[in-house]
């Protein structure tokens, strides 16, 4: 993980390189990111009473 300022951001940020991993690792990372977004949508829906679709990310 590196500071995001290399991309010219003015706010605190970071960047993560996913280069040169095994193909299976990319699949695991993709699944974990999808699950994380689904959890965020569930929390958002619970806190706002919204019904945002948590299945927007296609697997």
C-alpha atoms as a PDB file:
ATOM      1  CA  UNK A   1       0.000   0.000   0.000  1.00  0.00           C
ATOM      2  CA  UNK A   2       1.279   3.415  -0.962  1.00  0.00           C
ATOM      3  CA  UNK A   3       0.133   7.010  -0.406  1.00  0.00           C
ATOM      4  CA  UNK A   4      -2.423   8.123  -2.984  1.00  0.00           C
ATOM      5  CA  UNK A   5      -0.789  11.511  -3.470  1.00  0.00           C
ATOM      6  CA  UNK A   6       1.007  10.074  -6.505  1.00  0.00           C
ATOM      7  CA  UNK A   7      -2.318  10.447  -8.321  1.00  0.00           C
ATOM      8  CA  UNK A   8      -2.626  14.127  -7.409  1.00  0.00           C
ATOM      9  CA  UNK A   9      -5.288  13.754  -4.710  1.00  0.00           C
ATOM     10  CA  UNK A  10      -5.712  16.579  -2.224  1.00  0.00           C
ATOM     11  CA  UNK A  11      -7.209  14.455   0.523  1.00  0.00           C
ATOM     12  CA  UNK A  12      -5.789  11.536   2.508  1.00  0.00           C
ATOM     13  CA  UNK A  13      -5.907   8.417   0.409  1.00  0.00           C
ATOM     14  CA  UNK A  14      -4.040   5.243  -0.358  1.00  0.00           C
ATOM     15  CA  UNK A  15      -3.513   2.962  -3.307  1.00  0.00           C
ATOM     16  CA  UNK A  16      -3.055  -0.763  -3.365  1.00  0.00           C
ATOM     17  CA  UNK A  17      -1.319  -2.641  -6.137  1.00  0.00           C
ATOM     18  CA  UNK A  18      -2.817  -5.969  -7.109  1.00  0.00           C
ATOM     19  CA  UNK A  19      -0.255  -6.650  -9.815  1.00  0.00           C
ATOM     20  CA  UNK A  20       1.569  -9.932 -10.226  1.00  0.00           C
ATOM     21  CA  UNK A  21      -0.691 -12.123  -8.119  1.00  0.00           C
ATOM     22  CA  UNK A  22      -1.772 -15.680  -8.863  1.00  0.00           C
ATOM     23  CA  UNK A  23      -5.043 -15.966 -10.768  1.00  0.00           C
ATOM     24  CA  UNK A  24      -6.737 -17.644  -7.793  1.00  0.00           C
ATOM     25  CA  UNK A  25      -5.765 -14.694  -5.591  1.00  0.00           C
ATOM     26  CA  UNK A  26      -7.606 -12.281  -7.911  1.00  0.00           C
ATOM     27  CA  UNK A  27     -10.762 -14.394  -7.605  1.00  0.00           C
ATOM     28  CA  UNK A  28     -10.495 -14.369  -3.797  1.00  0.00           C
ATOM     29  CA  UNK A  29      -9.947 -10.616  -3.725  1.00  0.00           C
ATOM     30  CA  UNK A  30     -12.900 -10.038  -6.061  1.00  0.00           C
ATOM     31  CA  UNK A  31     -15.185 -12.165  -3.878  1.00  0.00           C
ATOM     32  CA  UNK A  32     -14.049 -10.365  -0.731  1.00  0.00           C
ATOM     33  CA  UNK A  33     -14.685  -6.949  -2.315  1.00  0.00           C
ATOM     34  CA  UNK A  34     -18.172  -8.018  -3.451  1.00  0.00           C
ATOM     35  CA  UNK A  35     -18.991  -9.266   0.046  1.00  0.00           C
ATOM     36  CA  UNK A  36     -17.715  -6.024   1.569  1.00  0.00           C
ATOM     37  CA  UNK A  37     -19.903  -3.915  -0.731  1.00  0.00           C
ATOM     38  CA  UNK A  38     -22.923  -6.089   0.045  1.00  0.00           C
ATOM     39  CA  UNK A  39     -22.316  -5.553   3.773  1.00  0.00           C
ATOM     40  CA  UNK A  40     -22.007  -1.790   3.240  1.00  0.00           C
ATOM     41  CA  UNK A  41     -25.317  -1.727   1.353  1.00  0.00           C
ATOM     42  CA  UNK A  42     -27.021  -3.725   4.118  1.00  0.00           C
ATOM     43  CA  UNK A  43     -25.736  -1.266   6.746  1.00  0.00           C
ATOM     44  CA  UNK A  44     -26.795   1.691   4.596  1.00  0.00           C
ATOM     45  CA  UNK A  45     -30.259   0.234   4.110  1.00  0.00           C
ATOM     46  CA  UNK A  46     -30.612  -0.460   7.831  1.00  0.00           C
ATOM     47  CA  UNK A  47     -29.548   3.036   8.837  1.00  0.00           C
ATOM     48  CA  UNK A  48     -31.611   4.922   6.228  1.00  0.00           C
ATOM     49  CA  UNK A  49     -34.606   2.659   5.686  1.00  0.00           C
ATOM     50  CA  UNK A  50     -33.603   2.542   2.033  1.00  0.00           C
ATOM     51  CA  UNK A  51     -33.909  -0.485  -0.196  1.00  0.00           C
ATOM     52  CA  UNK A  52     -30.748  -0.102  -2.253  1.00  0.00           C
ATOM     53  CA  UNK A  53     -29.966  -3.252  -4.216  1.00  0.00           C
ATOM     54  CA  UNK A  54     -26.993  -5.080  -2.721  1.00  0.00           C
ATOM     55  CA  UNK A  55     -26.626  -7.346  -5.743  1.00  0.00           C
ATOM     56  CA  UNK A  56     -25.456  -4.653  -8.164  1.00  0.00           C
ATOM     57  CA  UNK A  57     -21.983  -6.105  -8.514  1.00  0.00           C
ATOM     58  CA  UNK A  58     -21.985  -8.902 -11.075  1.00  0.00           C
ATOM     59  CA  UNK A  59     -19.902 -11.886 -10.130  1.00  0.00           C
END
